Amino acid sequence: MSNYHDIIIKPVLSEKSFDGISSKRYAFRVDKKATKTQIKAAVEHIFGVTVAKVNTVRVSGKIRRAGRKDEGRTASYKKAYVTLTADSKAIEFFESLA
């Protein structure tokens, strides 16, 4: 990856991700080819925090229908759950939402 902002695509704003904010666990949509160490480095560089661990999951695309017979799939993507250390500061973007 050439840039840290190419790795982190956008934050995931869902009920499950809001439950983790109190325990400093945040969810991001990331590039499919990004590794855990690259995700950790990108989050630490962009937000200025200390990351304890990173868990990733590949989300497969859902089947969608358009009409009676036409079927297609939405795009698959990769999601990362980032847990910060206890002494690290919180990410300000998520704190304003909670």
N, C-alpha and C. Protein backbone atom coordinates (compact mmCIF):
# COMPACT_ATOMS: atom_id res chain seq x y z
N MET A 1 0.84 -1.17 0.00
CA MET A 1 0.00 0.00 0.00
C MET A 1 0.89 1.24 0.00
N SER A 2 0.50 2.20 -0.80
CA SER A 2 1.32 3.40 -0.92
C SER A 2 0.98 4.46 0.11
N ASN A 3 -0.26 4.48 0.60
CA ASN A 3 -0.70 5.54 1.48
C ASN A 3 -1.58 4.95 2.59
N TYR A 4 -1.49 5.53 3.78
CA TYR A 4 -2.30 5.03 4.89
C TYR A 4 -3.79 5.26 4.64
N HIS A 5 -4.12 6.33 3.94
CA HIS A 5 -5.52 6.63 3.67
C HIS A 5 -6.12 5.70 2.60
N ASP A 6 -5.28 4.97 1.87
CA ASP A 6 -5.77 3.96 0.93
C ASP A 6 -6.17 2.68 1.66
N ILE A 7 -5.63 2.44 2.83
CA ILE A 7 -5.93 1.23 3.59
C ILE A 7 -7.26 1.37 4.31
N ILE A 8 -7.46 2.46 5.05
CA ILE A 8 -8.71 2.70 5.78
C ILE A 8 -9.67 3.39 4.82
N ILE A 9 -10.75 2.70 4.43
CA ILE A 9 -11.70 3.27 3.47
C ILE A 9 -12.72 4.16 4.19
N LYS A 10 -13.40 3.60 5.19
CA LYS A 10 -14.37 4.40 5.94
C LYS A 10 -14.71 3.68 7.24
N PRO A 11 -15.23 4.40 8.23
CA PRO A 11 -15.67 3.75 9.47
C PRO A 11 -17.00 3.04 9.26
N VAL A 12 -17.21 1.97 10.00
CA VAL A 12 -18.47 1.24 9.96
C VAL A 12 -19.35 1.75 11.09
N LEU A 13 -20.51 2.29 10.74
CA LEU A 13 -21.42 2.87 11.72
C LEU A 13 -22.65 1.98 11.82
N SER A 14 -22.63 1.05 12.75
CA SER A 14 -23.73 0.11 12.95
C SER A 14 -23.97 -0.05 14.45
N GLU A 15 -25.01 -0.76 14.80
CA GLU A 15 -25.31 -0.98 16.22
C GLU A 15 -24.19 -1.74 16.92
N LYS A 16 -23.65 -2.72 16.25
CA LYS A 16 -22.57 -3.51 16.85
C LYS A 16 -21.32 -2.65 17.06
N SER A 17 -21.03 -1.79 16.10
CA SER A 17 -19.83 -0.95 16.25
C SER A 17 -20.03 0.11 17.34
N PHE A 18 -21.26 0.60 17.52
CA PHE A 18 -21.53 1.57 18.58
C PHE A 18 -21.40 0.94 19.97
N ASP A 19 -21.70 -0.34 20.10
CA ASP A 19 -21.55 -1.03 21.38
C ASP A 19 -20.08 -1.13 21.81
N GLY A 20 -19.17 -1.18 20.84
CA GLY A 20 -17.76 -1.32 21.16
C GLY A 20 -17.05 -0.03 21.49
N ILE A 21 -17.68 1.11 21.25
CA ILE A 21 -17.01 2.40 21.47
C ILE A 21 -16.62 2.58 22.94
N SER A 22 -17.46 2.13 23.86
CA SER A 22 -17.15 2.30 25.28
C SER A 22 -15.92 1.50 25.71
N SER A 23 -15.64 0.40 25.03
CA SER A 23 -14.46 -0.41 25.35
C SER A 23 -13.31 -0.17 24.37
N LYS A 24 -13.34 0.96 23.66
CA LYS A 24 -12.31 1.37 22.71
C LYS A 24 -12.10 0.33 21.61
N ARG A 25 -13.20 -0.16 21.07
CA ARG A 25 -13.16 -1.11 19.95
C ARG A 25 -13.92 -0.47 18.80
N TYR A 26 -13.22 -0.26 17.68
CA TYR A 26 -13.78 0.47 16.55
C TYR A 26 -13.76 -0.40 15.30
N ALA A 27 -14.72 -0.16 14.41
CA ALA A 27 -14.83 -0.95 13.18
C ALA A 27 -14.57 -0.05 11.97
N PHE A 28 -13.79 -0.57 11.03
CA PHE A 28 -13.47 0.15 9.81
C PHE A 28 -13.62 -0.77 8.60
N ARG A 29 -14.03 -0.18 7.49
CA ARG A 29 -14.01 -0.90 6.22
C ARG A 29 -12.64 -0.64 5.62
N VAL A 30 -11.91 -1.70 5.29
CA VAL A 30 -10.53 -1.57 4.84
C VAL A 30 -10.35 -2.20 3.47
N ASP A 31 -9.19 -1.95 2.88
CA ASP A 31 -8.85 -2.53 1.58
C ASP A 31 -8.74 -4.05 1.71
N LYS A 32 -9.20 -4.76 0.69
CA LYS A 32 -9.21 -6.23 0.75
C LYS A 32 -7.82 -6.84 0.88
N LYS A 33 -6.82 -6.18 0.34
CA LYS A 33 -5.46 -6.73 0.35
C LYS A 33 -4.65 -6.32 1.58
N ALA A 34 -5.21 -5.50 2.45
CA ALA A 34 -4.47 -5.00 3.61
C ALA A 34 -4.30 -6.09 4.66
N THR A 35 -3.12 -6.14 5.26
CA THR A 35 -2.85 -7.10 6.33
C THR A 35 -3.12 -6.43 7.67
N LYS A 36 -3.10 -7.23 8.73
CA LYS A 36 -3.35 -6.70 10.07
C LYS A 36 -2.28 -5.69 10.49
N THR A 37 -1.04 -5.94 10.15
CA THR A 37 0.03 -5.01 10.52
C THR A 37 -0.11 -3.69 9.75
N GLN A 38 -0.53 -3.75 8.49
CA GLN A 38 -0.74 -2.52 7.73
C GLN A 38 -1.92 -1.73 8.29
N ILE A 39 -2.99 -2.42 8.70
CA ILE A 39 -4.16 -1.76 9.28
C ILE A 39 -3.77 -1.10 10.60
N LYS A 40 -3.00 -1.80 11.42
CA LYS A 40 -2.55 -1.25 12.70
C LYS A 40 -1.72 0.01 12.48
N ALA A 41 -0.80 -0.02 11.55
CA ALA A 41 0.05 1.14 11.28
C ALA A 41 -0.77 2.31 10.75
N ALA A 42 -1.76 2.03 9.91
CA ALA A 42 -2.59 3.08 9.34
C ALA A 42 -3.44 3.77 10.40
N VAL A 43 -4.06 3.00 11.29
CA VAL A 43 -4.89 3.57 12.34
C VAL A 43 -4.03 4.39 13.31
N GLU A 44 -2.87 3.87 13.66
CA GLU A 44 -1.98 4.61 14.57
C GLU A 44 -1.50 5.91 13.94
N HIS A 45 -1.22 5.89 12.65
CA HIS A 45 -0.73 7.10 11.97
C HIS A 45 -1.84 8.13 11.77
N ILE A 46 -3.00 7.71 11.33
CA ILE A 46 -4.09 8.64 11.00
C ILE A 46 -4.68 9.26 12.26
N PHE A 47 -4.98 8.44 13.28
CA PHE A 47 -5.68 8.93 14.46
C PHE A 47 -4.77 9.24 15.65
N GLY A 48 -3.50 8.86 15.60
CA GLY A 48 -2.57 9.14 16.69
C GLY A 48 -2.89 8.39 17.96
N VAL A 49 -3.25 7.11 17.84
CA VAL A 49 -3.59 6.28 18.99
C VAL A 49 -2.66 5.07 19.02
N THR A 50 -2.77 4.26 20.07
CA THR A 50 -1.99 3.04 20.19
C THR A 50 -2.93 1.84 20.07
N VAL A 51 -2.67 0.97 19.12
CA VAL A 51 -3.54 -0.18 18.84
C VAL A 51 -3.03 -1.40 19.58
N ALA A 52 -3.95 -2.10 20.27
CA ALA A 52 -3.59 -3.33 20.98
C ALA A 52 -3.71 -4.54 20.06
N LYS A 53 -4.84 -4.65 19.34
CA LYS A 53 -5.01 -5.79 18.42
C LYS A 53 -5.98 -5.43 17.31
N VAL A 54 -5.89 -6.21 16.24
CA VAL A 54 -6.74 -6.02 15.06
C VAL A 54 -7.34 -7.37 14.68
N ASN A 55 -8.65 -7.41 14.52
CA ASN A 55 -9.34 -8.59 14.02
C ASN A 55 -9.97 -8.23 12.69
N THR A 56 -9.86 -9.11 11.70
CA THR A 56 -10.43 -8.83 10.39
C THR A 56 -11.45 -9.89 10.01
N VAL A 57 -12.38 -9.50 9.14
CA VAL A 57 -13.38 -10.42 8.63
C VAL A 57 -13.69 -10.03 7.19
N ARG A 58 -13.82 -11.02 6.32
CA ARG A 58 -14.22 -10.77 4.93
C ARG A 58 -15.72 -10.95 4.84
N VAL A 59 -16.40 -9.92 4.37
CA VAL A 59 -17.85 -9.94 4.24
C VAL A 59 -18.19 -10.22 2.79
N SER A 60 -18.91 -11.31 2.55
CA SER A 60 -19.27 -11.65 1.17
C SER A 60 -20.47 -10.83 0.73
N GLY A 61 -20.57 -10.61 -0.57
CA GLY A 61 -21.66 -9.82 -1.12
C GLY A 61 -22.99 -10.55 -1.03
N LYS A 62 -24.06 -9.80 -0.86
CA LYS A 62 -25.39 -10.39 -0.77
C LYS A 62 -26.00 -10.51 -2.15
N ILE A 63 -26.88 -11.49 -2.31
CA ILE A 63 -27.59 -11.65 -3.58
C ILE A 63 -28.73 -10.65 -3.64
N ARG A 64 -28.80 -9.92 -4.74
CA ARG A 64 -29.85 -8.93 -4.95
C ARG A 64 -30.59 -9.27 -6.24
N ARG A 65 -31.87 -8.97 -6.26
CA ARG A 65 -32.68 -9.23 -7.45
C ARG A 65 -33.19 -7.92 -8.03
N ALA A 66 -33.26 -7.91 -9.34
CA ALA A 66 -33.83 -6.77 -10.05
C ALA A 66 -34.85 -7.35 -11.03
N GLY A 67 -36.10 -7.38 -10.61
CA GLY A 67 -37.11 -8.00 -11.46
C GLY A 67 -37.31 -9.45 -11.08
N ARG A 68 -37.85 -10.21 -12.02
CA ARG A 68 -38.16 -11.60 -11.72
C ARG A 68 -36.97 -12.53 -11.82
N LYS A 69 -36.15 -12.35 -12.84
CA LYS A 69 -35.09 -13.32 -13.09
C LYS A 69 -33.68 -12.79 -12.88
N ASP A 70 -33.50 -11.52 -13.01
CA ASP A 70 -32.15 -10.97 -12.96
C ASP A 70 -31.64 -10.97 -11.53
N GLU A 71 -30.53 -11.67 -11.33
CA GLU A 71 -29.89 -11.71 -10.02
C GLU A 71 -28.48 -11.20 -10.14
N GLY A 72 -28.01 -10.60 -9.07
CA GLY A 72 -26.64 -10.13 -9.02
C GLY A 72 -26.16 -10.15 -7.59
N ARG A 73 -24.94 -9.72 -7.38
CA ARG A 73 -24.37 -9.68 -6.05
C ARG A 73 -23.84 -8.29 -5.77
N THR A 74 -23.97 -7.87 -4.51
CA THR A 74 -23.32 -6.64 -4.10
C THR A 74 -21.84 -6.95 -3.90
N ALA A 75 -21.04 -5.94 -3.84
CA ALA A 75 -19.59 -6.12 -3.73
C ALA A 75 -19.21 -6.68 -2.36
N SER A 76 -18.24 -7.57 -2.34
CA SER A 76 -17.71 -8.07 -1.07
C SER A 76 -16.66 -7.08 -0.58
N TYR A 77 -16.39 -7.11 0.73
CA TYR A 77 -15.42 -6.18 1.30
C TYR A 77 -14.79 -6.79 2.55
N LYS A 78 -13.80 -6.11 3.08
CA LYS A 78 -13.09 -6.55 4.28
C LYS A 78 -13.33 -5.53 5.39
N LYS A 79 -13.59 -6.03 6.60
CA LYS A 79 -13.88 -5.19 7.73
C LYS A 79 -12.86 -5.50 8.83
N ALA A 80 -12.41 -4.46 9.53
CA ALA A 80 -11.43 -4.63 10.60
C ALA A 80 -11.98 -4.07 11.89
N TYR A 81 -11.86 -4.86 12.96
CA TYR A 81 -12.20 -4.41 14.31
C TYR A 81 -10.89 -4.11 15.02
N VAL A 82 -10.72 -2.84 15.39
CA VAL A 82 -9.47 -2.37 16.00
C VAL A 82 -9.72 -2.09 17.47
N THR A 83 -8.93 -2.72 18.35
CA THR A 83 -9.02 -2.50 19.78
C THR A 83 -7.81 -1.69 20.23
N LEU A 84 -8.07 -0.61 20.95
CA LEU A 84 -6.99 0.25 21.43
C LEU A 84 -6.54 -0.20 22.82
N THR A 85 -5.34 0.22 23.20
CA THR A 85 -4.84 -0.10 24.53
C THR A 85 -5.60 0.71 25.57
N ALA A 86 -5.52 0.30 26.83
CA ALA A 86 -6.27 0.96 27.90
C ALA A 86 -5.79 2.39 28.14
N ASP A 87 -4.49 2.63 27.99
CA ASP A 87 -3.97 3.97 28.25
C ASP A 87 -3.99 4.88 27.01
N SER A 88 -4.46 4.38 25.88
CA SER A 88 -4.54 5.19 24.66
C SER A 88 -5.75 6.11 24.71
N LYS A 89 -5.64 7.24 24.03
CA LYS A 89 -6.79 8.15 23.96
C LYS A 89 -7.81 7.58 22.99
N ALA A 90 -9.05 8.00 23.11
CA ALA A 90 -10.13 7.52 22.24
C ALA A 90 -10.09 8.28 20.91
N ILE A 91 -10.69 7.70 19.89
CA ILE A 91 -10.78 8.35 18.58
C ILE A 91 -11.92 9.37 18.65
N GLU A 92 -11.61 10.61 18.35
CA GLU A 92 -12.56 11.70 18.54
C GLU A 92 -13.78 11.59 17.62
N PHE A 93 -13.59 11.06 16.42
CA PHE A 93 -14.72 10.93 15.49
C PHE A 93 -15.83 10.07 16.06
N PHE A 94 -15.48 8.96 16.67
CA PHE A 94 -16.46 8.05 17.24
C PHE A 94 -17.05 8.61 18.54
N GLU A 95 -16.27 9.34 19.30
CA GLU A 95 -16.75 9.88 20.57
C GLU A 95 -17.86 10.90 20.35
N SER A 96 -17.80 11.63 19.25
CA SER A 96 -18.85 12.62 18.99
C SER A 96 -20.16 11.95 18.60
N LEU A 97 -20.12 10.71 18.16
CA LEU A 97 -21.33 9.98 17.75
C LEU A 97 -22.02 9.30 18.92
N ALA A 98 -21.27 8.92 19.93
CA ALA A 98 -21.85 8.15 21.05
C ALA A 98 -22.61 8.99 22.02
